[in-house]
Amino acid sequence: MACFNSLIFSLYSLQGFKLDFLFDENEYFIDKVLTKTYEMKSSPDENDPFGFEGPEIVSCKGCVKYVLPPTKIGYGPNREL
C-alpha cells in the first residue's frame, strides 16, 4: 500500500458512481490510475415492494490493468519464482 496515493469519488449519473484509485509509480502495474464504476438501483422491486431497503449496487466494472512482470519480492535469496 506504500504506492497508493489517493482515492477520488465522483457521481457520473443519478444511478452510478466512479472510484479512481491513484498510485505512485510502482513495480506492480503500469497504470497510475485504476478505475471502478458502479451502477445502482434505487427503486423497489415490483414483485416485493415492501422488501426495499434502499439503494443497492447492481453491477460494477473495473478497468483493464497492465501488470508488470513478477519480481522476486517476498521470496528469500535462494528461492526462485
C-alpha atoms as a PDB file:
ATOM      1  CA  MET A   1       0.000   0.000   0.000  1.00  0.00           C
ATOM      2  CA  ALA A   2       3.039   2.289   0.059  1.00  0.00           C
ATOM      3  CA  CYS A   3       2.409   3.195  -3.594  1.00  0.00           C
ATOM      4  CA  PHE A   4      -1.284   4.086  -3.030  1.00  0.00           C
ATOM      5  CA  ASN A   5      -1.694   7.849  -3.291  1.00  0.00           C
ATOM      6  CA  SER A   6      -5.386   8.793  -3.063  1.00  0.00           C
ATOM      7  CA  LEU A   7      -8.977   7.949  -3.932  1.00  0.00           C
ATOM      8  CA  ILE A   8     -11.325  10.135  -5.979  1.00  0.00           C
ATOM      9  CA  PHE A   9     -15.098   9.603  -5.765  1.00  0.00           C
ATOM     10  CA  SER A  10     -17.394  11.063  -8.438  1.00  0.00           C
ATOM     11  CA  LEU A  11     -21.030  10.697  -9.426  1.00  0.00           C
ATOM     12  CA  TYR A  12     -21.440  10.232 -13.165  1.00  0.00           C
ATOM     13  CA  SER A  13     -25.236   9.838 -13.149  1.00  0.00           C
ATOM     14  CA  LEU A  14     -28.103   9.639 -10.676  1.00  0.00           C
ATOM     15  CA  GLN A  15     -27.723   5.856 -10.727  1.00  0.00           C
ATOM     16  CA  GLY A  16     -23.958   5.427 -10.675  1.00  0.00           C
ATOM     17  CA  PHE A  17     -20.619   6.489  -9.299  1.00  0.00           C
ATOM     18  CA  LYS A  18     -16.947   6.054 -10.076  1.00  0.00           C
ATOM     19  CA  LEU A  19     -13.902   5.424  -7.889  1.00  0.00           C
ATOM     20  CA  ASP A  20     -10.446   6.384  -9.184  1.00  0.00           C
ATOM     21  CA  PHE A  21      -7.567   4.834  -7.247  1.00  0.00           C
ATOM     22  CA  LEU A  22      -4.399   6.898  -7.786  1.00  0.00           C
ATOM     23  CA  PHE A  23      -0.989   5.288  -7.384  1.00  0.00           C
ATOM     24  CA  ASP A  24       2.584   6.489  -7.497  1.00  0.00           C
ATOM     25  CA  GLU A  25       4.953   4.814  -9.921  1.00  0.00           C
ATOM     26  CA  ASN A  26       5.462   1.257  -8.703  1.00  0.00           C
ATOM     27  CA  GLU A  27       6.806  -2.152  -9.677  1.00  0.00           C
ATOM     28  CA  TYR A  28       3.439  -3.945  -9.838  1.00  0.00           C
ATOM     29  CA  PHE A  29       1.494  -2.280 -12.656  1.00  0.00           C
ATOM     30  CA  ILE A  30       1.955   0.391 -15.306  1.00  0.00           C
ATOM     31  CA  ASP A  31      -1.213   2.431 -14.761  1.00  0.00           C
ATOM     32  CA  LYS A  32      -1.166   5.251 -12.256  1.00  0.00           C
ATOM     33  CA  VAL A  33      -4.990   5.372 -12.103  1.00  0.00           C
ATOM     34  CA  LEU A  34      -7.238   2.325 -11.701  1.00  0.00           C
ATOM     35  CA  THR A  35     -10.963   2.991 -12.135  1.00  0.00           C
ATOM     36  CA  LYS A  36     -14.025   1.090 -10.984  1.00  0.00           C
ATOM     37  CA  THR A  37     -17.581   2.155 -11.902  1.00  0.00           C
ATOM     38  CA  TYR A  38     -20.755   1.124 -10.104  1.00  0.00           C
ATOM     39  CA  GLU A  39     -24.381   1.095 -11.269  1.00  0.00           C
ATOM     40  CA  MET A  40     -27.083   1.338  -8.615  1.00  0.00           C
ATOM     41  CA  LYS A  41     -30.781   0.617  -8.399  1.00  0.00           C
ATOM     42  CA  SER A  42     -32.825   2.844  -6.125  1.00  0.00           C
ATOM     43  CA  SER A  43     -36.410   1.721  -6.708  1.00  0.00           C
ATOM     44  CA  PRO A  44     -38.387  -1.130  -5.144  1.00  0.00           C
ATOM     45  CA  ASP A  45     -38.798  -4.456  -6.901  1.00  0.00           C
ATOM     46  CA  GLU A  46     -42.303  -4.677  -8.385  1.00  0.00           C
ATOM     47  CA  ASN A  47     -42.691  -8.219  -7.001  1.00  0.00           C
ATOM     48  CA  ASP A  48     -41.550  -7.268  -3.473  1.00  0.00           C
ATOM     49  CA  PRO A  49     -42.133  -3.537  -2.850  1.00  0.00           C
ATOM     50  CA  PHE A  50     -42.008  -3.911   0.946  1.00  0.00           C
ATOM     51  CA  GLY A  51     -38.601  -5.596   0.786  1.00  0.00           C
ATOM     52  CA  PHE A  52     -36.958  -2.368  -0.396  1.00  0.00           C
ATOM     53  CA  GLU A  53     -34.154  -1.400   1.981  1.00  0.00           C
ATOM     54  CA  GLY A  54     -32.671   1.462  -0.030  1.00  0.00           C
ATOM     55  CA  PRO A  55     -30.318   1.779  -2.987  1.00  0.00           C
ATOM     56  CA  GLU A  56     -28.205  -1.225  -3.926  1.00  0.00           C
ATOM     57  CA  ILE A  57     -25.301  -1.829  -6.281  1.00  0.00           C
ATOM     58  CA  VAL A  58     -26.468  -3.965  -9.193  1.00  0.00           C
ATOM     59  CA  SER A  59     -23.295  -4.043 -11.305  1.00  0.00           C
ATOM     60  CA  CYS A  60     -19.716  -2.884 -11.332  1.00  0.00           C
ATOM     61  CA  LYS A  61     -16.962  -2.730 -13.906  1.00  0.00           C
ATOM     62  CA  GLY A  62     -13.242  -2.412 -13.375  1.00  0.00           C
ATOM     63  CA  CYS A  63     -10.681  -1.062 -15.775  1.00  0.00           C
ATOM     64  CA  VAL A  64      -8.052  -3.090 -17.620  1.00  0.00           C
ATOM     65  CA  LYS A  65      -4.877  -3.356 -15.562  1.00  0.00           C
ATOM     66  CA  TYR A  66      -1.489  -3.524 -17.221  1.00  0.00           C
ATOM     67  CA  VAL A  67       0.583  -5.610 -14.825  1.00  0.00           C
ATOM     68  CA  LEU A  68       4.366  -5.650 -14.870  1.00  0.00           C
ATOM     69  CA  PRO A  69       6.208  -8.999 -14.905  1.00  0.00           C
ATOM     70  CA  PRO A  70       6.519 -10.532 -11.421  1.00  0.00           C
ATOM     71  CA  THR A  71       9.558  -9.783  -9.320  1.00  0.00           C
ATOM     72  CA  LYS A  72      11.135 -11.806  -6.555  1.00  0.00           C
ATOM     73  CA  ILE A  73       9.694  -9.600  -3.812  1.00  0.00           C
ATOM     74  CA  GLY A  74       8.685 -11.721  -0.844  1.00  0.00           C
ATOM     75  CA  TYR A  75      10.992 -14.579  -1.796  1.00  0.00           C
ATOM     76  CA  GLY A  76      14.168 -15.494   0.017  1.00  0.00           C
ATOM     77  CA  PRO A  77      17.590 -15.044  -1.641  1.00  0.00           C
ATOM     78  CA  ASN A  78      17.808 -18.730  -2.596  1.00  0.00           C
ATOM     79  CA  ARG A  79      14.237 -19.166  -3.878  1.00  0.00           C
ATOM     80  CA  GLU A  80      13.070 -18.870  -7.445  1.00  0.00           C
ATOM     81  CA  LEU A  81       9.593 -17.907  -8.672  1.00  0.00           C
END
